[in-house]
Amino acid sequence: KIDGLSASLTYEHGRLVRAATRGDGTTGEDI
């Protein structure tokens, strides 16, 4: 387990289009 900042990376057709923090688990920050 790596203790860092959780991030979610959205890829569409193989390209990165959005990245977000976990925030409150439902809504995060656009980074």
mmCIF file of all heavy atoms, coordinates in Angstrom:
data_MODEL
# 
_entry.id   MODEL 
# 
loop_
_atom_site.group_PDB 
_atom_site.id 
_atom_site.type_symbol 
_atom_site.label_atom_id 
_atom_site.label_alt_id 
_atom_site.label_comp_id 
_atom_site.label_asym_id 
_atom_site.label_entity_id 
_atom_site.label_seq_id 
_atom_site.pdbx_PDB_ins_code 
_atom_site.Cartn_x 
_atom_site.Cartn_y 
_atom_site.Cartn_z 
_atom_site.occupancy 
_atom_site.B_iso_or_equiv 
_atom_site.pdbx_formal_charge 
_atom_site.auth_seq_id 
_atom_site.auth_comp_id 
_atom_site.auth_asym_id 
_atom_site.auth_atom_id 
_atom_site.pdbx_PDB_model_num 
ATOM 1   N N   . LYS A 1 1  ? 0.843   -1.190 0.000   1.00 0.00 ? 1  LYS A N   1 
ATOM 2   C CA  . LYS A 1 1  ? 0.000   0.000  0.000   1.00 0.00 ? 1  LYS A CA  1 
ATOM 3   C C   . LYS A 1 1  ? 0.883   1.247  0.000   1.00 0.00 ? 1  LYS A C   1 
ATOM 4   O O   . LYS A 1 1  ? 1.750   1.388  0.853   1.00 0.00 ? 1  LYS A O   1 
ATOM 5   C CB  . LYS A 1 1  ? -0.915  0.024  1.224   1.00 0.00 ? 1  LYS A CB  1 
ATOM 6   C CG  . LYS A 1 1  ? -1.848  1.240  1.258   1.00 0.00 ? 1  LYS A CG  1 
ATOM 7   C CD  . LYS A 1 1  ? -2.718  1.219  2.495   1.00 0.00 ? 1  LYS A CD  1 
ATOM 8   C CE  . LYS A 1 1  ? -3.691  2.392  2.478   1.00 0.00 ? 1  LYS A CE  1 
ATOM 9   N NZ  . LYS A 1 1  ? -3.005  3.704  2.512   1.00 0.00 ? 1  LYS A NZ  1 
ATOM 10  N N   . ILE A 1 2  ? 0.647   2.113  -0.958  1.00 0.00 ? 2  ILE A N   1 
ATOM 11  C CA  . ILE A 1 2  ? 1.372   3.369  -1.050  1.00 0.00 ? 2  ILE A CA  1 
ATOM 12  C C   . ILE A 1 2  ? 0.501   4.466  -0.438  1.00 0.00 ? 2  ILE A C   1 
ATOM 13  O O   . ILE A 1 2  ? -0.662  4.622  -0.807  1.00 0.00 ? 2  ILE A O   1 
ATOM 14  C CB  . ILE A 1 2  ? 1.697   3.725  -2.514  1.00 0.00 ? 2  ILE A CB  1 
ATOM 15  C CG1 . ILE A 1 2  ? 2.570   2.638  -3.147  1.00 0.00 ? 2  ILE A CG1 1 
ATOM 16  C CG2 . ILE A 1 2  ? 2.371   5.083  -2.608  1.00 0.00 ? 2  ILE A CG2 1 
ATOM 17  C CD1 . ILE A 1 2  ? 3.925   2.466  -2.492  1.00 0.00 ? 2  ILE A CD1 1 
ATOM 18  N N   . ASP A 1 3  ? 1.055   5.208  0.503   1.00 0.00 ? 3  ASP A N   1 
ATOM 19  C CA  . ASP A 1 3  ? 0.292   6.259  1.171   1.00 0.00 ? 3  ASP A CA  1 
ATOM 20  C C   . ASP A 1 3  ? 0.568   7.591  0.489   1.00 0.00 ? 3  ASP A C   1 
ATOM 21  O O   . ASP A 1 3  ? 1.592   8.224  0.694   1.00 0.00 ? 3  ASP A O   1 
ATOM 22  C CB  . ASP A 1 3  ? 0.683   6.340  2.652   1.00 0.00 ? 3  ASP A CB  1 
ATOM 23  C CG  . ASP A 1 3  ? -0.290  7.201  3.439   1.00 0.00 ? 3  ASP A CG  1 
ATOM 24  O OD1 . ASP A 1 3  ? -1.386  7.465  2.927   1.00 0.00 ? 3  ASP A OD1 1 
ATOM 25  O OD2 . ASP A 1 3  ? 0.050   7.597  4.564   1.00 0.00 ? 3  ASP A OD2 1 
ATOM 26  N N   . GLY A 1 4  ? -0.348  7.984  -0.376  1.00 0.00 ? 4  GLY A N   1 
ATOM 27  C CA  . GLY A 1 4  ? -0.215  9.241  -1.086  1.00 0.00 ? 4  GLY A CA  1 
ATOM 28  C C   . GLY A 1 4  ? -1.568  9.901  -1.222  1.00 0.00 ? 4  GLY A C   1 
ATOM 29  O O   . GLY A 1 4  ? -2.431  9.745  -0.358  1.00 0.00 ? 4  GLY A O   1 
ATOM 30  N N   . LEU A 1 5  ? -1.777  10.603 -2.308  1.00 0.00 ? 5  LEU A N   1 
ATOM 31  C CA  . LEU A 1 5  ? -3.054  11.253 -2.591  1.00 0.00 ? 5  LEU A CA  1 
ATOM 32  C C   . LEU A 1 5  ? -3.777  10.435 -3.648  1.00 0.00 ? 5  LEU A C   1 
ATOM 33  O O   . LEU A 1 5  ? -3.255  10.228 -4.740  1.00 0.00 ? 5  LEU A O   1 
ATOM 34  C CB  . LEU A 1 5  ? -2.828  12.680 -3.100  1.00 0.00 ? 5  LEU A CB  1 
ATOM 35  C CG  . LEU A 1 5  ? -4.099  13.464 -3.436  1.00 0.00 ? 5  LEU A CG  1 
ATOM 36  C CD1 . LEU A 1 5  ? -4.848  13.845 -2.170  1.00 0.00 ? 5  LEU A CD1 1 
ATOM 37  C CD2 . LEU A 1 5  ? -3.757  14.731 -4.233  1.00 0.00 ? 5  LEU A CD2 1 
ATOM 38  N N   . SER A 1 6  ? -4.980  9.981  -3.335  1.00 0.00 ? 6  SER A N   1 
ATOM 39  C CA  . SER A 1 6  ? -5.747  9.184  -4.291  1.00 0.00 ? 6  SER A CA  1 
ATOM 40  C C   . SER A 1 6  ? -6.141  10.025 -5.492  1.00 0.00 ? 6  SER A C   1 
ATOM 41  O O   . SER A 1 6  ? -6.560  11.180 -5.351  1.00 0.00 ? 6  SER A O   1 
ATOM 42  C CB  . SER A 1 6  ? -6.999  8.620  -3.624  1.00 0.00 ? 6  SER A CB  1 
ATOM 43  O OG  . SER A 1 6  ? -6.656  7.735  -2.578  1.00 0.00 ? 6  SER A OG  1 
ATOM 44  N N   . ALA A 1 7  ? -6.014  9.448  -6.669  1.00 0.00 ? 7  ALA A N   1 
ATOM 45  C CA  . ALA A 1 7  ? -6.367  10.154 -7.900  1.00 0.00 ? 7  ALA A CA  1 
ATOM 46  C C   . ALA A 1 7  ? -7.106  9.214  -8.838  1.00 0.00 ? 7  ALA A C   1 
ATOM 47  O O   . ALA A 1 7  ? -6.830  8.010  -8.884  1.00 0.00 ? 7  ALA A O   1 
ATOM 48  C CB  . ALA A 1 7  ? -5.120  10.705 -8.583  1.00 0.00 ? 7  ALA A CB  1 
ATOM 49  N N   . SER A 1 8  ? -8.051  9.781  -9.575  1.00 0.00 ? 8  SER A N   1 
ATOM 50  C CA  . SER A 1 8  ? -8.817  9.035  -10.573 1.00 0.00 ? 8  SER A CA  1 
ATOM 51  C C   . SER A 1 8  ? -8.554  9.655  -11.941 1.00 0.00 ? 8  SER A C   1 
ATOM 52  O O   . SER A 1 8  ? -8.714  10.873 -12.111 1.00 0.00 ? 8  SER A O   1 
ATOM 53  C CB  . SER A 1 8  ? -10.307 9.097  -10.238 1.00 0.00 ? 8  SER A CB  1 
ATOM 54  O OG  . SER A 1 8  ? -11.077 8.418  -11.219 1.00 0.00 ? 8  SER A OG  1 
ATOM 55  N N   . LEU A 1 9  ? -8.141  8.842  -12.905 1.00 0.00 ? 9  LEU A N   1 
ATOM 56  C CA  . LEU A 1 9  ? -7.762  9.316  -14.234 1.00 0.00 ? 9  LEU A CA  1 
ATOM 57  C C   . LEU A 1 9  ? -8.734  8.753  -15.265 1.00 0.00 ? 9  LEU A C   1 
ATOM 58  O O   . LEU A 1 9  ? -8.841  7.536  -15.405 1.00 0.00 ? 9  LEU A O   1 
ATOM 59  C CB  . LEU A 1 9  ? -6.337  8.865  -14.578 1.00 0.00 ? 9  LEU A CB  1 
ATOM 60  C CG  . LEU A 1 9  ? -5.280  9.009  -13.481 1.00 0.00 ? 9  LEU A CG  1 
ATOM 61  C CD1 . LEU A 1 9  ? -3.954  8.429  -13.957 1.00 0.00 ? 9  LEU A CD1 1 
ATOM 62  C CD2 . LEU A 1 9  ? -5.130  10.469 -13.072 1.00 0.00 ? 9  LEU A CD2 1 
ATOM 63  N N   . THR A 1 10 ? -9.435  9.605  -15.969 1.00 0.00 ? 10 THR A N   1 
ATOM 64  C CA  . THR A 1 10 ? -10.403 9.163  -16.966 1.00 0.00 ? 10 THR A CA  1 
ATOM 65  C C   . THR A 1 10 ? -9.782  9.195  -18.356 1.00 0.00 ? 10 THR A C   1 
ATOM 66  O O   . THR A 1 10 ? -9.262  10.234 -18.799 1.00 0.00 ? 10 THR A O   1 
ATOM 67  C CB  . THR A 1 10 ? -11.655 10.057 -16.950 1.00 0.00 ? 10 THR A CB  1 
ATOM 68  O OG1 . THR A 1 10 ? -12.261 9.990  -15.660 1.00 0.00 ? 10 THR A OG1 1 
ATOM 69  C CG2 . THR A 1 10 ? -12.666 9.585  -17.991 1.00 0.00 ? 10 THR A CG2 1 
ATOM 70  N N   . TYR A 1 11 ? -9.851  8.048  -19.035 1.00 0.00 ? 11 TYR A N   1 
ATOM 71  C CA  . TYR A 1 11 ? -9.352  7.918  -20.403 1.00 0.00 ? 11 TYR A CA  1 
ATOM 72  C C   . TYR A 1 11 ? -10.517 7.616  -21.334 1.00 0.00 ? 11 TYR A C   1 
ATOM 73  O O   . TYR A 1 11 ? -11.354 6.756  -21.042 1.00 0.00 ? 11 TYR A O   1 
ATOM 74  C CB  . TYR A 1 11 ? -8.319  6.795  -20.498 1.00 0.00 ? 11 TYR A CB  1 
ATOM 75  C CG  . TYR A 1 11 ? -6.985  7.159  -19.901 1.00 0.00 ? 11 TYR A CG  1 
ATOM 76  C CD1 . TYR A 1 11 ? -6.778  7.098  -18.528 1.00 0.00 ? 11 TYR A CD1 1 
ATOM 77  C CD2 . TYR A 1 11 ? -5.923  7.575  -20.700 1.00 0.00 ? 11 TYR A CD2 1 
ATOM 78  C CE1 . TYR A 1 11 ? -5.560  7.436  -17.963 1.00 0.00 ? 11 TYR A CE1 1 
ATOM 79  C CE2 . TYR A 1 11 ? -4.690  7.916  -20.145 1.00 0.00 ? 11 TYR A CE2 1 
ATOM 80  C CZ  . TYR A 1 11 ? -4.520  7.844  -18.780 1.00 0.00 ? 11 TYR A CZ  1 
ATOM 81  O OH  . TYR A 1 11 ? -3.311  8.191  -18.236 1.00 0.00 ? 11 TYR A OH  1 
ATOM 82  N N   . GLU A 1 12 ? -10.565 8.331  -22.432 1.00 0.00 ? 12 GLU A N   1 
ATOM 83  C CA  . GLU A 1 12 ? -11.554 8.069  -23.473 1.00 0.00 ? 12 GLU A CA  1 
ATOM 84  C C   . GLU A 1 12 ? -10.829 7.802  -24.778 1.00 0.00 ? 12 GLU A C   1 
ATOM 85  O O   . GLU A 1 12 ? -9.976  8.601  -25.199 1.00 0.00 ? 12 GLU A O   1 
ATOM 86  C CB  . GLU A 1 12 ? -12.499 9.269  -23.619 1.00 0.00 ? 12 GLU A CB  1 
ATOM 87  C CG  . GLU A 1 12 ? -13.384 9.485  -22.382 1.00 0.00 ? 12 GLU A CG  1 
ATOM 88  C CD  . GLU A 1 12 ? -14.333 10.662 -22.524 1.00 0.00 ? 12 GLU A CD  1 
ATOM 89  O OE1 . GLU A 1 12 ? -14.234 11.372 -23.554 1.00 0.00 ? 12 GLU A OE1 1 
ATOM 90  O OE2 . GLU A 1 12 ? -15.158 10.866 -21.613 1.00 0.00 ? 12 GLU A OE2 1 
ATOM 91  N N   . HIS A 1 13 ? -11.111 6.640  -25.362 1.00 0.00 ? 13 HIS A N   1 
ATOM 92  C CA  . HIS A 1 13 ? -10.439 6.208  -26.590 1.00 0.00 ? 13 HIS A CA  1 
ATOM 93  C C   . HIS A 1 13 ? -8.917  6.279  -26.429 1.00 0.00 ? 13 HIS A C   1 
ATOM 94  O O   . HIS A 1 13 ? -8.188  6.649  -27.356 1.00 0.00 ? 13 HIS A O   1 
ATOM 95  C CB  . HIS A 1 13 ? -10.899 7.054  -27.780 1.00 0.00 ? 13 HIS A CB  1 
ATOM 96  C CG  . HIS A 1 13 ? -12.386 7.035  -27.971 1.00 0.00 ? 13 HIS A CG  1 
ATOM 97  N ND1 . HIS A 1 13 ? -13.080 5.911  -28.386 1.00 0.00 ? 13 HIS A ND1 1 
ATOM 98  C CD2 . HIS A 1 13 ? -13.322 8.004  -27.760 1.00 0.00 ? 13 HIS A CD2 1 
ATOM 99  C CE1 . HIS A 1 13 ? -14.363 6.185  -28.440 1.00 0.00 ? 13 HIS A CE1 1 
ATOM 100 N NE2 . HIS A 1 13 ? -14.547 7.434  -28.053 1.00 0.00 ? 13 HIS A NE2 1 
ATOM 101 N N   . GLY A 1 14 ? -8.461  5.920  -25.214 1.00 0.00 ? 14 GLY A N   1 
ATOM 102 C CA  . GLY A 1 14 ? -7.034  5.823  -24.958 1.00 0.00 ? 14 GLY A CA  1 
ATOM 103 C C   . GLY A 1 14 ? -6.358  7.116  -24.577 1.00 0.00 ? 14 GLY A C   1 
ATOM 104 O O   . GLY A 1 14 ? -5.144  7.120  -24.327 1.00 0.00 ? 14 GLY A O   1 
ATOM 105 N N   . ARG A 1 15 ? -7.085  8.224  -24.510 1.00 0.00 ? 15 ARG A N   1 
ATOM 106 C CA  . ARG A 1 15 ? -6.475  9.522  -24.195 1.00 0.00 ? 15 ARG A CA  1 
ATOM 107 C C   . ARG A 1 15 ? -6.956  10.046 -22.846 1.00 0.00 ? 15 ARG A C   1 
ATOM 108 O O   . ARG A 1 15 ? -8.142  9.943  -22.525 1.00 0.00 ? 15 ARG A O   1 
ATOM 109 C CB  . ARG A 1 15 ? -6.787  10.542 -25.294 1.00 0.00 ? 15 ARG A CB  1 
ATOM 110 C CG  . ARG A 1 15 ? -6.173  10.185 -26.633 1.00 0.00 ? 15 ARG A CG  1 
ATOM 111 C CD  . ARG A 1 15 ? -6.435  11.287 -27.664 1.00 0.00 ? 15 ARG A CD  1 
ATOM 112 N NE  . ARG A 1 15 ? -5.800  10.963 -28.951 1.00 0.00 ? 15 ARG A NE  1 
ATOM 113 C CZ  . ARG A 1 15 ? -4.541  11.206 -29.238 1.00 0.00 ? 15 ARG A CZ  1 
ATOM 114 N NH1 . ARG A 1 15 ? -3.754  11.793 -28.349 1.00 0.00 ? 15 ARG A NH1 1 
ATOM 115 N NH2 . ARG A 1 15 ? -4.037  10.871 -30.415 1.00 0.00 ? 15 ARG A NH2 1 
ATOM 116 N N   . LEU A 1 16 ? -6.031  10.605 -22.082 1.00 0.00 ? 16 LEU A N   1 
ATOM 117 C CA  . LEU A 1 16 ? -6.377  11.182 -20.786 1.00 0.00 ? 16 LEU A CA  1 
ATOM 118 C C   . LEU A 1 16 ? -7.213  12.441 -21.004 1.00 0.00 ? 16 LEU A C   1 
ATOM 119 O O   . LEU A 1 16 ? -6.782  13.387 -21.666 1.00 0.00 ? 16 LEU A O   1 
ATOM 120 C CB  . LEU A 1 16 ? -5.101  11.541 -20.012 1.00 0.00 ? 16 LEU A CB  1 
ATOM 121 C CG  . LEU A 1 16 ? -5.306  12.233 -18.663 1.00 0.00 ? 16 LEU A CG  1 
ATOM 122 C CD1 . LEU A 1 16 ? -6.005  11.314 -17.674 1.00 0.00 ? 16 LEU A CD1 1 
ATOM 123 C CD2 . LEU A 1 16 ? -3.957  12.691 -18.096 1.00 0.00 ? 16 LEU A CD2 1 
ATOM 124 N N   . VAL A 1 17 ? -8.430  12.456 -20.407 1.00 0.00 ? 17 VAL A N   1 
ATOM 125 C CA  . VAL A 1 17 ? -9.304  13.617 -20.587 1.00 0.00 ? 17 VAL A CA  1 
ATOM 126 C C   . VAL A 1 17 ? -9.603  14.326 -19.269 1.00 0.00 ? 17 VAL A C   1 
ATOM 127 O O   . VAL A 1 17 ? -9.988  15.498 -19.272 1.00 0.00 ? 17 VAL A O   1 
ATOM 128 C CB  . VAL A 1 17 ? -10.635 13.228 -21.265 1.00 0.00 ? 17 VAL A CB  1 
ATOM 129 C CG1 . VAL A 1 17 ? -10.388 12.709 -22.671 1.00 0.00 ? 17 VAL A CG1 1 
ATOM 130 C CG2 . VAL A 1 17 ? -11.409 12.199 -20.437 1.00 0.00 ? 17 VAL A CG2 1 
ATOM 131 N N   . ARG A 1 18 ? -9.436  13.625 -18.137 1.00 0.00 ? 18 ARG A N   1 
ATOM 132 C CA  . ARG A 1 18 ? -9.751  14.266 -16.861 1.00 0.00 ? 18 ARG A CA  1 
ATOM 133 C C   . ARG A 1 18 ? -9.051  13.534 -15.730 1.00 0.00 ? 18 ARG A C   1 
ATOM 134 O O   . ARG A 1 18 ? -8.896  12.314 -15.768 1.00 0.00 ? 18 ARG A O   1 
ATOM 135 C CB  . ARG A 1 18 ? -11.260 14.268 -16.609 1.00 0.00 ? 18 ARG A CB  1 
ATOM 136 C CG  . ARG A 1 18 ? -11.714 15.060 -15.393 1.00 0.00 ? 18 ARG A CG  1 
ATOM 137 C CD  . ARG A 1 18 ? -13.230 15.014 -15.237 1.00 0.00 ? 18 ARG A CD  1 
ATOM 138 N NE  . ARG A 1 18 ? -13.900 15.495 -16.448 1.00 0.00 ? 18 ARG A NE  1 
ATOM 139 C CZ  . ARG A 1 18 ? -14.518 14.732 -17.330 1.00 0.00 ? 18 ARG A CZ  1 
ATOM 140 N NH1 . ARG A 1 18 ? -14.545 13.412 -17.139 1.00 0.00 ? 18 ARG A NH1 1 
ATOM 141 N NH2 . ARG A 1 18 ? -15.094 15.238 -18.392 1.00 0.00 ? 18 ARG A NH2 1 
ATOM 142 N N   . ALA A 1 19 ? -8.652  14.296 -14.717 1.00 0.00 ? 19 ALA A N   1 
ATOM 143 C CA  . ALA A 1 19 ? -8.074  13.715 -13.498 1.00 0.00 ? 19 ALA A CA  1 
ATOM 144 C C   . ALA A 1 19 ? -8.702  14.410 -12.305 1.00 0.00 ? 19 ALA A C   1 
ATOM 145 O O   . ALA A 1 19 ? -8.953  15.618 -12.327 1.00 0.00 ? 19 ALA A O   1 
ATOM 146 C CB  . ALA A 1 19 ? -6.564  13.894 -13.484 1.00 0.00 ? 19 ALA A CB  1 
ATOM 147 N N   . ALA A 1 20 ? -8.956  13.642 -11.257 1.00 0.00 ? 20 ALA A N   1 
ATOM 148 C CA  . ALA A 1 20 ? -9.612  14.202 -10.078 1.00 0.00 ? 20 ALA A CA  1 
ATOM 149 C C   . ALA A 1 20 ? -9.060  13.582 -8.806  1.00 0.00 ? 20 ALA A C   1 
ATOM 150 O O   . ALA A 1 20 ? -8.598  12.436 -8.805  1.00 0.00 ? 20 ALA A O   1 
ATOM 151 C CB  . ALA A 1 20 ? -11.127 13.968 -10.140 1.00 0.00 ? 20 ALA A CB  1 
ATOM 152 N N   . THR A 1 21 ? -9.113  14.359 -7.725  1.00 0.00 ? 21 THR A N   1 
ATOM 153 C CA  . THR A 1 21 ? -8.797  13.821 -6.410  1.00 0.00 ? 21 THR A CA  1 
ATOM 154 C C   . THR A 1 21 ? -10.008 13.056 -5.878  1.00 0.00 ? 21 THR A C   1 
ATOM 155 O O   . THR A 1 21 ? -11.108 13.128 -6.450  1.00 0.00 ? 21 THR A O   1 
ATOM 156 C CB  . THR A 1 21 ? -8.465  14.944 -5.415  1.00 0.00 ? 21 THR A CB  1 
ATOM 157 O OG1 . THR A 1 21 ? -9.641  15.770 -5.241  1.00 0.00 ? 21 THR A OG1 1 
ATOM 158 C CG2 . THR A 1 21 ? -7.315  15.805 -5.916  1.00 0.00 ? 21 THR A CG2 1 
ATOM 159 N N   . ARG A 1 22 ? -9.817  12.334 -4.784  1.00 0.00 ? 22 ARG A N   1 
ATOM 160 C CA  . ARG A 1 22 ? -10.937 11.614 -4.171  1.00 0.00 ? 22 ARG A CA  1 
ATOM 161 C C   . ARG A 1 22 ? -11.952 12.572 -3.561  1.00 0.00 ? 22 ARG A C   1 
ATOM 162 O O   . ARG A 1 22 ? -13.152 12.339 -3.615  1.00 0.00 ? 22 ARG A O   1 
ATOM 163 C CB  . ARG A 1 22 ? -10.428 10.657 -3.085  1.00 0.00 ? 22 ARG A CB  1 
ATOM 164 C CG  . ARG A 1 22 ? -11.555 9.869  -2.425  1.00 0.00 ? 22 ARG A CG  1 
ATOM 165 C CD  . ARG A 1 22 ? -11.018 8.784  -1.532  1.00 0.00 ? 22 ARG A CD  1 
ATOM 166 N NE  . ARG A 1 22 ? -10.207 9.323  -0.448  1.00 0.00 ? 22 ARG A NE  1 
ATOM 167 C CZ  . ARG A 1 22 ? -9.492  8.570  0.389   1.00 0.00 ? 22 ARG A CZ  1 
ATOM 168 N NH1 . ARG A 1 22 ? -9.463  7.262  0.223   1.00 0.00 ? 22 ARG A NH1 1 
ATOM 169 N NH2 . ARG A 1 22 ? -8.791  9.108  1.358   1.00 0.00 ? 22 ARG A NH2 1 
ATOM 170 N N   . GLY A 1 23 ? -11.477 13.675 -2.965  1.00 0.00 ? 23 GLY A N   1 
ATOM 171 C CA  . GLY A 1 23 ? -12.395 14.599 -2.299  1.00 0.00 ? 23 GLY A CA  1 
ATOM 172 C C   . GLY A 1 23 ? -13.133 13.914 -1.172  1.00 0.00 ? 23 GLY A C   1 
ATOM 173 O O   . GLY A 1 23 ? -12.524 13.270 -0.314  1.00 0.00 ? 23 GLY A O   1 
ATOM 174 N N   . ASP A 1 24 ? -14.466 14.009 -1.187  1.00 0.00 ? 24 ASP A N   1 
ATOM 175 C CA  . ASP A 1 24 ? -15.259 13.366 -0.142  1.00 0.00 ? 24 ASP A CA  1 
ATOM 176 C C   . ASP A 1 24 ? -15.732 11.975 -0.543  1.00 0.00 ? 24 ASP A C   1 
ATOM 177 O O   . ASP A 1 24 ? -16.575 11.380 0.122   1.00 0.00 ? 24 ASP A O   1 
ATOM 178 C CB  . ASP A 1 24 ? -16.457 14.245 0.244   1.00 0.00 ? 24 ASP A CB  1 
ATOM 179 C CG  . ASP A 1 24 ? -17.419 14.472 -0.920  1.00 0.00 ? 24 ASP A CG  1 
ATOM 180 O OD1 . ASP A 1 24 ? -17.255 13.840 -1.986  1.00 0.00 ? 24 ASP A OD1 1 
ATOM 181 O OD2 . ASP A 1 24 ? -18.345 15.293 -0.760  1.00 0.00 ? 24 ASP A OD2 1 
ATOM 182 N N   . GLY A 1 25 ? -15.171 11.458 -1.632  1.00 0.00 ? 25 GLY A N   1 
ATOM 183 C CA  . GLY A 1 25 ? -15.539 10.124 -2.098  1.00 0.00 ? 25 GLY A CA  1 
ATOM 184 C C   . GLY A 1 25 ? -16.589 10.139 -3.189  1.00 0.00 ? 25 GLY A C   1 
ATOM 185 O O   . GLY A 1 25 ? -16.664 9.225  -4.010  1.00 0.00 ? 25 GLY A O   1 
ATOM 186 N N   . THR A 1 26 ? -17.413 11.169 -3.205  1.00 0.00 ? 26 THR A N   1 
ATOM 187 C CA  . THR A 1 26 ? -18.443 11.335 -4.228  1.00 0.00 ? 26 THR A CA  1 
ATOM 188 C C   . THR A 1 26 ? -18.052 12.412 -5.239  1.00 0.00 ? 26 THR A C   1 
ATOM 189 O O   . THR A 1 26 ? -18.252 12.256 -6.440  1.00 0.00 ? 26 THR A O   1 
ATOM 190 C CB  . THR A 1 26 ? -19.787 11.712 -3.579  1.00 0.00 ? 26 THR A CB  1 
ATOM 191 O OG1 . THR A 1 26 ? -20.181 10.672 -2.676  1.00 0.00 ? 26 THR A OG1 1 
ATOM 192 C CG2 . THR A 1 26 ? -20.871 11.896 -4.626  1.00 0.00 ? 26 THR A CG2 1 
ATOM 193 N N   . THR A 1 27 ? -17.473 13.490 -4.736  1.00 0.00 ? 27 THR A N   1 
ATOM 194 C CA  . THR A 1 27 ? -17.059 14.619 -5.575  1.00 0.00 ? 27 THR A CA  1 
ATOM 195 C C   . THR A 1 27 ? -15.611 14.975 -5.259  1.00 0.00 ? 27 THR A C   1 
ATOM 196 O O   . THR A 1 27 ? -15.252 15.115 -4.090  1.00 0.00 ? 27 THR A O   1 
ATOM 197 C CB  . THR A 1 27 ? -17.952 15.844 -5.327  1.00 0.00 ? 27 THR A CB  1 
ATOM 198 O OG1 . THR A 1 27 ? -19.317 15.490 -5.556  1.00 0.00 ? 27 THR A OG1 1 
ATOM 199 C CG2 . THR A 1 27 ? -17.569 16.987 -6.259  1.00 0.00 ? 27 THR A CG2 1 
ATOM 200 N N   . GLY A 1 28 ? -14.801 15.100 -6.295  1.00 0.00 ? 28 GLY A N   1 
ATOM 201 C CA  . GLY A 1 28 ? -13.396 15.450 -6.107  1.00 0.00 ? 28 GLY A CA  1 
ATOM 202 C C   . GLY A 1 28 ? -13.047 16.756 -6.785  1.00 0.00 ? 28 GLY A C   1 
ATOM 203 O O   . GLY A 1 28 ? -13.922 17.474 -7.292  1.00 0.00 ? 28 GLY A O   1 
ATOM 204 N N   . GLU A 1 29 ? -11.753 17.064 -6.810  1.00 0.00 ? 29 GLU A N   1 
ATOM 205 C CA  . GLU A 1 29 ? -11.243 18.294 -7.405  1.00 0.00 ? 29 GLU A CA  1 
ATOM 206 C C   . GLU A 1 29 ? -10.624 17.989 -8.768  1.00 0.00 ? 29 GLU A C   1 
ATOM 207 O O   . GLU A 1 29 ? -9.926  16.985 -8.929  1.00 0.00 ? 29 GLU A O   1 
ATOM 208 C CB  . GLU A 1 29 ? -10.172 18.908 -6.490  1.00 0.00 ? 29 GLU A CB  1 
ATOM 209 C CG  . GLU A 1 29 ? -10.664 19.213 -5.092  1.00 0.00 ? 29 GLU A CG  1 
ATOM 210 C CD  . GLU A 1 29 ? -9.593  19.024 -4.018  1.00 0.00 ? 29 GLU A CD  1 
ATOM 211 O OE1 . GLU A 1 29 ? -8.618  18.269 -4.283  1.00 0.00 ? 29 GLU A OE1 1 
ATOM 212 O OE2 . GLU A 1 29 ? -9.742  19.602 -2.941  1.00 0.00 ? 29 GLU A OE2 1 
ATOM 213 N N   . ASP A 1 30 ? -10.884 18.845 -9.726  1.00 0.00 ? 30 ASP A N   1 
ATOM 214 C CA  . ASP A 1 30 ? -10.313 18.671 -11.065 1.00 0.00 ? 30 ASP A CA  1 
ATOM 215 C C   . ASP A 1 30 ? -8.843  19.091 -11.034 1.00 0.00 ? 30 ASP A C   1 
ATOM 216 O O   . ASP A 1 30 ? -8.512  20.257 -10.856 1.00 0.00 ? 30 ASP A O   1 
ATOM 217 C CB  . ASP A 1 30 ? -11.086 19.532 -12.066 1.00 0.00 ? 30 ASP A CB  1 
ATOM 218 C CG  . ASP A 1 30 ? -10.690 19.228 -13.506 1.00 0.00 ? 30 ASP A CG  1 
ATOM 219 O OD1 . ASP A 1 30 ? -9.540  18.792 -13.741 1.00 0.00 ? 30 ASP A OD1 1 
ATOM 220 O OD2 . ASP A 1 30 ? -11.525 19.423 -14.396 1.00 0.00 ? 30 ASP A OD2 1 
ATOM 221 N N   . ILE A 1 31 ? -7.951  18.127 -11.199 1.00 0.00 ? 31 ILE A N   1 
ATOM 222 C CA  . ILE A 1 31 ? -6.509  18.386 -11.173 1.00 0.00 ? 31 ILE A CA  1 
ATOM 223 C C   . ILE A 1 31 ? -5.864  17.951 -12.489 1.00 0.00 ? 31 ILE A C   1 
ATOM 224 O O   . ILE A 1 31 ? -4.689  17.595 -12.525 1.00 0.00 ? 31 ILE A O   1 
ATOM 225 C CB  . ILE A 1 31 ? -5.833  17.665 -9.987  1.00 0.00 ? 31 ILE A CB  1 
ATOM 226 C CG1 . ILE A 1 31 ? -6.208  16.175 -9.986  1.00 0.00 ? 31 ILE A CG1 1 
ATOM 227 C CG2 . ILE A 1 31 ? -6.196  18.336 -8.666  1.00 0.00 ? 31 ILE A CG2 1 
ATOM 228 C CD1 . ILE A 1 31 ? -5.368  15.325 -9.061  1.00 0.00 ? 31 ILE A CD1 1 
# 
